[in-house]
């Protein structure tokens, strides 16, 4: 079951006794927990019937005792365990989950982990509860996710703005969502988000960013590449090397896949790379990268990215700065 489906059920007053939220993507888990904490009960009911525990400090007997209480002045109560992955003896909740109280809604946030499918706890959850298992989105899923989340806010967003957010923030759904919300609040007489809005309200330069660096690399434009790296050096918080290197690695890896696709048609390449929409500026650069570097050049670029990723964490880097390493790597890439 998805987070959206759980929340939709709750809006329709359809509840199960136990909800187990697990996996790598905390954004969806946080969505469900926030709704459970703030929306299932009204303010007067919550004062008597909402219990919130934190895994690191929680005692399993106290949680079970809370779950077995009957609600006051309401037909239901909500018990939430946040950060349950830090809880000792979490498996002992199985005795309650196997026989839950119908008037209690237990919501367990078990982030970054999954319950052992062979355990008694897992069997009880499958029998008596609802399990939400989340996973990180792949890079090629992020642009479509941004477009979808923006549409849900009754907004439109340009392709360039999408790529600025995705390439410079990375796979952090909560932060992307917060930045879109920040832009939405600042829009007054329109509902479309442009790259200018991203620059103004998020602080990502529309001229000096990872997307423009990829474009300059594709064109083998050394001067522009060095200008962008210089901007990053002067503004170290704009795009740390720890985010930039994986972004470039993903870009060149996609360019390498073009050789196996056997076509330079944008829609064909987009489909094979898993993009529902072409996002033409991005897909076009991937295709042009494959054309301009050829297979040997793309392979060499990927090897250089691996080498300089190690250097960025101090392996065989000497005293070279992050910006110095990036300049050195880009010169080698373009001269291949």
Protein backbone atom coordinates (compact mmCIF):
# COMPACT_ATOMS: atom_id res chain seq x y z
CA UNK A 1 0.00 0.00 0.00
CA UNK A 2 1.26 3.50 -0.83
CA UNK A 3 1.42 6.50 1.48
CA UNK A 4 -1.21 8.25 -0.63
CA UNK A 5 -3.58 5.28 -0.30
CA UNK A 6 -3.17 5.13 3.48
CA UNK A 7 -3.88 8.85 3.83
CA UNK A 8 -6.82 8.64 1.44
CA UNK A 9 -8.30 5.80 3.52
CA UNK A 10 -7.88 7.85 6.68
CA UNK A 11 -9.62 10.82 5.06
CA UNK A 12 -12.50 8.43 4.34
CA UNK A 13 -12.48 7.21 7.97
CA UNK A 14 -11.18 3.77 7.02
CA UNK A 15 -8.69 2.55 9.59
CA UNK A 16 -6.73 -0.58 10.40
CA UNK A 17 -5.35 -1.29 13.84
CA UNK A 18 -1.64 -1.32 12.90
CA UNK A 19 0.42 0.55 10.30
CA UNK A 20 4.08 -0.42 9.91
CA UNK A 21 6.07 2.13 7.86
CA UNK A 22 9.52 0.93 6.84
CA UNK A 23 12.28 1.41 4.27
CA UNK A 24 14.78 3.88 2.86
CA UNK A 25 12.61 6.84 1.85
CA UNK A 26 11.69 8.82 4.94
CA UNK A 27 9.64 11.40 2.97
CA UNK A 28 6.65 9.06 2.60
CA UNK A 29 6.97 7.76 6.15
CA UNK A 30 7.00 11.32 7.49
CA UNK A 31 3.93 12.17 5.40
CA UNK A 32 1.91 9.36 6.97
CA UNK A 33 3.16 10.04 10.50
CA UNK A 34 2.38 13.76 10.23
CA UNK A 35 -1.18 13.04 9.09
CA UNK A 36 -1.64 10.49 11.88
CA UNK A 37 -0.38 12.94 14.49
CA UNK A 38 -2.24 16.03 13.33
CA UNK A 39 -5.27 14.99 11.32
CA UNK A 40 -6.85 11.72 12.51
CA UNK A 41 -7.99 13.22 15.82
CA UNK A 42 -9.32 16.71 16.30
CA UNK A 43 -7.68 19.01 18.82
CA UNK A 44 -9.94 18.15 21.74
CA UNK A 45 -9.66 14.39 21.09
CA UNK A 46 -5.86 14.50 20.74
CA UNK A 47 -5.40 15.86 24.25
CA UNK A 48 -6.65 12.56 25.70
CA UNK A 49 -6.08 10.06 22.89
CA UNK A 50 -2.76 10.77 21.20
CA UNK A 51 0.40 9.09 22.50
CA UNK A 52 3.79 9.65 20.81
CA UNK A 53 6.85 7.56 21.66
CA UNK A 54 10.43 7.83 20.41
CA UNK A 55 12.22 4.56 19.72
CA UNK A 56 15.49 5.36 21.48
CA UNK A 57 13.71 6.09 24.78
CA UNK A 58 10.65 3.87 24.36
CA UNK A 59 9.91 0.83 26.48
CA UNK A 60 7.91 -1.88 24.74
CA UNK A 61 5.74 -2.55 27.80
CA UNK A 62 4.75 1.13 28.06
CA UNK A 63 3.81 1.15 24.40
CA UNK A 64 1.68 -1.98 24.69
CA UNK A 65 -0.02 -0.59 27.80
CA UNK A 66 -0.80 2.61 25.91
CA UNK A 67 -2.20 0.62 22.99
CA UNK A 68 -4.47 -1.41 25.27
CA UNK A 69 -6.06 1.65 26.85
CA UNK A 70 -9.53 2.57 25.71
CA UNK A 71 -10.07 6.04 24.20
CA UNK A 72 -11.67 8.87 26.20
CA UNK A 73 -14.41 11.02 24.68
CA UNK A 74 -13.68 9.49 21.28
CA UNK A 75 -14.19 6.24 19.45
CA UNK A 76 -10.47 5.82 18.71
CA UNK A 77 -7.00 6.66 19.96
CA UNK A 78 -3.71 7.02 18.07
CA UNK A 79 -0.35 5.66 19.26
CA UNK A 80 2.74 6.64 17.25
CA UNK A 81 6.27 5.30 17.54
CA UNK A 82 8.80 7.55 15.83
CA UNK A 83 12.31 6.32 14.97
CA UNK A 84 11.26 2.80 15.91
CA UNK A 85 14.41 1.40 14.31
CA UNK A 86 16.27 2.65 17.41
CA UNK A 87 13.97 0.83 19.80
CA UNK A 88 15.24 -2.06 21.88
CA UNK A 89 13.11 -5.21 21.85
CA UNK A 90 10.92 -3.86 19.06
CA UNK A 91 10.08 -7.45 18.13
CA UNK A 92 8.21 -7.78 21.45
CA UNK A 93 5.46 -5.62 19.99
CA UNK A 94 4.42 -8.78 18.13
CA UNK A 95 2.31 -9.94 21.06
CA UNK A 96 0.12 -6.82 20.76
CA UNK A 97 0.13 -6.66 16.94
CA UNK A 98 -1.09 -10.25 16.80
CA UNK A 99 -4.10 -9.25 18.93
CA UNK A 100 -4.63 -5.49 18.57
CA UNK A 101 -7.37 -3.39 20.13
CA UNK A 102 -9.89 -2.28 17.50
CA UNK A 103 -10.18 1.23 18.95
CA UNK A 104 -6.39 1.87 18.76
CA UNK A 105 -4.54 2.98 15.64
CA UNK A 106 -0.86 2.08 16.08
CA UNK A 107 1.55 3.77 13.63
CA UNK A 108 5.18 2.61 13.67
CA UNK A 109 7.88 4.54 11.75
CA UNK A 110 10.72 2.08 11.17
CA UNK A 111 13.05 4.13 8.96
CA UNK A 112 16.00 2.86 6.91
CA UNK A 113 15.28 -0.74 7.81
CA UNK A 114 12.86 -3.55 7.02
CA UNK A 115 11.42 -6.08 9.42
CA UNK A 116 12.82 -9.58 8.99
CA UNK A 117 10.27 -11.35 6.81
CA UNK A 118 10.89 -14.66 8.61
CA UNK A 119 10.12 -13.27 12.07
CA UNK A 120 6.94 -13.65 14.10
CA UNK A 121 6.61 -9.88 14.00
CA UNK A 122 6.52 -9.87 10.19
CA UNK A 123 3.92 -12.63 10.13
CA UNK A 124 1.74 -10.75 12.62
CA UNK A 125 2.05 -7.56 10.57
CA UNK A 126 1.04 -9.30 7.36
CA UNK A 127 -1.94 -10.87 9.11
CA UNK A 128 -3.23 -7.99 11.26
CA UNK A 129 -1.61 -4.81 9.97
CA UNK A 130 -0.81 -2.69 6.95
CA UNK A 131 2.81 -2.46 5.78
CA UNK A 132 4.22 0.47 3.82
CA UNK A 133 7.66 -0.34 2.39
CA UNK A 134 9.46 2.64 0.86
CA UNK A 135 12.56 2.86 -1.30
CA UNK A 136 14.68 5.66 -2.72
CA UNK A 137 13.72 6.84 -6.17
CA UNK A 138 16.12 6.20 -9.02
CA UNK A 139 17.70 9.25 -10.66
CA UNK A 140 15.55 8.84 -13.76
CA UNK A 141 12.40 8.90 -11.61
CA UNK A 142 13.17 12.23 -9.95
CA UNK A 143 12.14 14.63 -12.76
CA UNK A 144 8.73 12.99 -13.10
CA UNK A 145 8.31 12.98 -9.31
CA UNK A 146 9.03 16.72 -9.18
CA UNK A 147 6.51 17.36 -11.95
CA UNK A 148 3.90 15.26 -10.13
CA UNK A 149 4.40 16.84 -6.70
CA UNK A 150 4.27 20.30 -8.31
CA UNK A 151 1.05 19.44 -10.12
CA UNK A 152 -0.47 18.30 -6.82
CA UNK A 153 0.14 21.80 -5.53
CA UNK A 154 -1.77 23.19 -8.57
CA UNK A 155 1.47 24.50 -10.06
CA UNK A 156 3.28 24.12 -13.36
CA UNK A 157 7.05 23.93 -13.63
CA UNK A 158 9.41 24.33 -16.58
CA UNK A 159 11.73 21.48 -17.59
CA UNK A 160 14.78 23.63 -16.85
CA UNK A 161 13.50 24.41 -13.36
CA UNK A 162 12.92 20.69 -12.72
CA UNK A 163 16.47 19.84 -13.76
CA UNK A 164 17.93 22.64 -11.64
CA UNK A 165 16.21 21.23 -8.56
CA UNK A 166 17.02 17.58 -9.27
CA UNK A 167 20.64 18.00 -10.34
CA UNK A 168 21.55 20.38 -7.52
CA UNK A 169 19.60 18.93 -4.61
CA UNK A 170 19.84 15.25 -5.48
CA UNK A 171 17.64 12.49 -4.12
CA UNK A 172 16.30 14.38 -1.11
CA UNK A 173 12.53 14.38 -1.61
CA UNK A 174 11.80 16.25 1.60
CA UNK A 175 14.11 19.11 0.68
CA UNK A 176 12.84 19.29 -2.91
CA UNK A 177 9.27 19.41 -1.61
CA UNK A 178 10.17 22.13 0.90
CA UNK A 179 11.87 24.22 -1.79
CA UNK A 180 8.84 23.90 -4.10
CA UNK A 181 6.60 24.96 -1.21
CA UNK A 182 8.88 27.94 -0.54
CA UNK A 183 8.57 29.00 -4.18
CA UNK A 184 4.78 28.50 -4.11
CA UNK A 185 4.42 30.79 -1.11
CA UNK A 186 6.41 33.51 -2.87
CA UNK A 187 4.49 33.33 -6.14
CA UNK A 188 1.75 35.94 -6.18
CA UNK A 189 -0.02 36.43 -9.50
CA UNK A 190 0.88 33.19 -11.31
CA UNK A 191 1.14 29.44 -10.82
CA UNK A 192 4.13 28.53 -13.01
CA UNK A 193 7.64 27.95 -11.64
CA UNK A 194 10.56 29.00 -13.85
CA UNK A 195 14.33 28.67 -13.55
CA UNK A 196 14.37 32.32 -12.42
CA UNK A 197 12.18 31.36 -9.46
CA UNK A 198 14.52 28.52 -8.54
CA UNK A 199 17.48 30.91 -8.69
CA UNK A 200 15.73 33.60 -6.64
CA UNK A 201 14.04 31.54 -3.93
CA UNK A 202 16.18 28.39 -3.69
CA UNK A 203 19.54 30.00 -4.36
CA UNK A 204 20.59 27.79 -7.29
CA UNK A 205 22.25 29.82 -10.03
CA UNK A 206 20.57 29.27 -13.39
CA UNK A 207 23.93 29.92 -15.09
CA UNK A 208 26.35 28.14 -12.76
CA UNK A 209 24.96 24.76 -11.77
CA UNK A 210 25.49 21.05 -12.42
CA UNK A 211 23.15 21.02 -15.43
CA UNK A 212 25.09 23.81 -17.13
CA UNK A 213 28.35 22.06 -16.25
CA UNK A 214 27.09 18.88 -17.91
CA UNK A 215 26.06 20.90 -20.96
CA UNK A 216 29.49 22.56 -21.16
CA UNK A 217 31.21 19.19 -20.79
CA UNK A 218 29.05 17.80 -23.58
CA UNK A 219 30.20 20.67 -25.82
CA UNK A 220 33.82 20.23 -24.65
CA UNK A 221 33.71 23.91 -23.64
CA UNK A 222 36.66 24.04 -21.25
CA UNK A 223 36.36 27.78 -20.57
CA UNK A 224 32.72 27.51 -19.47
CA UNK A 225 33.47 24.41 -17.37
CA UNK A 226 36.26 26.21 -15.50
CA UNK A 227 34.05 29.26 -14.96
CA UNK A 228 31.38 27.07 -13.36
CA UNK A 229 33.92 25.27 -11.15
CA UNK A 230 35.32 28.66 -10.14
CA UNK A 231 31.80 29.71 -9.13
CA UNK A 232 31.49 26.57 -7.00
CA UNK A 233 34.85 27.33 -5.41
CA UNK A 234 33.73 30.85 -4.53
CA UNK A 235 30.35 29.57 -3.30
CA UNK A 236 31.17 26.24 -1.58
CA UNK A 237 27.62 25.73 -0.34
CA UNK A 238 26.17 26.05 -3.86
CA UNK A 239 27.06 22.49 -4.83
CA UNK A 240 29.47 20.41 -2.71
CA UNK A 241 31.78 18.08 -4.60
CA UNK A 242 30.15 15.14 -2.79
CA UNK A 243 26.94 15.89 -4.71
CA UNK A 244 28.52 17.06 -7.96
CA UNK A 245 30.64 13.95 -8.60
CA UNK A 246 27.74 11.45 -8.29
CA UNK A 247 25.65 13.73 -10.53
CA UNK A 248 28.31 13.71 -13.25
CA UNK A 249 28.79 9.95 -12.84
CA UNK A 250 25.06 9.41 -13.37
CA UNK A 251 25.14 11.64 -16.47
CA UNK A 252 28.06 9.86 -18.14
CA UNK A 253 26.63 6.46 -17.18
CA UNK A 254 23.44 7.34 -19.06
CA UNK A 255 25.52 8.51 -22.03
CA UNK A 256 27.25 5.14 -22.03
CA UNK A 257 23.89 3.38 -22.22
CA UNK A 258 23.12 5.21 -25.47
CA UNK A 259 25.64 2.99 -27.27
CA UNK A 260 23.59 -0.06 -26.34
CA UNK A 261 20.28 1.56 -27.29
CA UNK A 262 21.41 1.98 -30.89
CA UNK A 263 19.38 5.14 -31.54
CA UNK A 264 19.83 8.89 -31.17
CA UNK A 265 16.11 9.62 -31.20
CA UNK A 266 15.24 11.58 -28.06
CA UNK A 267 11.98 9.78 -27.33
CA UNK A 268 13.59 6.36 -27.86
CA UNK A 269 16.51 7.19 -25.58
CA UNK A 270 14.19 8.71 -22.96
CA UNK A 271 12.05 5.57 -22.97
CA UNK A 272 15.04 3.25 -22.57
CA UNK A 273 16.46 5.38 -19.76
CA UNK A 274 13.14 5.26 -17.91
CA UNK A 275 11.93 8.83 -18.39
CA UNK A 276 8.19 9.05 -18.94
CA UNK A 277 8.72 12.45 -20.55
CA UNK A 278 11.70 13.29 -22.69
CA UNK A 279 12.90 16.28 -20.63
CA UNK A 280 14.55 17.30 -23.87
CA UNK A 281 17.37 19.56 -22.57
CA UNK A 282 18.66 16.71 -20.40
CA UNK A 283 18.12 13.83 -22.85
CA UNK A 284 19.56 15.88 -25.71
CA UNK A 285 22.75 16.47 -23.71
CA UNK A 286 23.03 12.75 -22.95
CA UNK A 287 22.79 11.94 -26.65
CA UNK A 288 25.26 14.68 -27.62
CA UNK A 289 27.68 13.50 -24.94
CA UNK A 290 27.69 10.03 -26.49
CA UNK A 291 28.22 11.55 -29.95
CA UNK A 292 30.98 13.97 -28.97
CA UNK A 293 32.98 11.69 -26.68
CA UNK A 294 32.33 8.38 -28.44
CA UNK A 295 32.39 5.17 -26.42
CA UNK A 296 36.07 5.26 -25.48
CA UNK A 297 35.80 8.87 -24.27
CA UNK A 298 32.71 8.16 -22.15
CA UNK A 299 34.42 5.12 -20.62
CA UNK A 300 37.47 7.24 -19.80
CA UNK A 301 35.26 9.92 -18.23
CA UNK A 302 33.61 7.33 -15.96
CA UNK A 303 37.04 6.01 -14.90
CA UNK A 304 38.18 9.56 -14.14
CA UNK A 305 35.07 10.18 -12.05
CA UNK A 306 35.81 7.06 -10.02
CA UNK A 307 39.44 8.12 -9.57
CA UNK A 308 38.59 11.66 -8.49
CA UNK A 309 35.80 10.52 -6.22
CA UNK A 310 38.48 8.65 -4.25
CA UNK A 311 40.71 11.73 -4.31
CA UNK A 312 37.83 13.86 -3.00
CA UNK A 313 37.80 11.79 0.19
CA UNK A 314 41.57 12.09 0.63
CA UNK A 315 42.94 9.07 -1.24
CA UNK A 316 46.05 10.07 -3.25
CA UNK A 317 44.90 13.67 -3.42
CA UNK A 318 47.89 15.40 -1.83
CA UNK A 319 46.93 18.88 -0.66
CA UNK A 320 44.80 19.69 -3.71
CA UNK A 321 41.51 21.47 -2.97
CA UNK A 322 38.15 20.10 -4.12
CA UNK A 323 37.93 22.79 -6.81
CA UNK A 324 41.46 22.02 -7.90
CA UNK A 325 40.61 18.34 -8.24
CA UNK A 326 37.51 19.17 -10.29
CA UNK A 327 39.47 21.44 -12.65
CA UNK A 328 42.15 18.80 -13.09
CA UNK A 329 39.57 16.09 -13.81
CA UNK A 330 37.62 18.19 -16.31
CA UNK A 331 40.77 19.13 -18.25
CA UNK A 332 41.57 15.41 -18.55
CA UNK A 333 38.01 14.58 -19.65
CA UNK A 334 37.86 17.19 -22.36
CA UNK A 335 41.35 16.40 -23.67
CA UNK A 336 40.52 12.67 -24.16
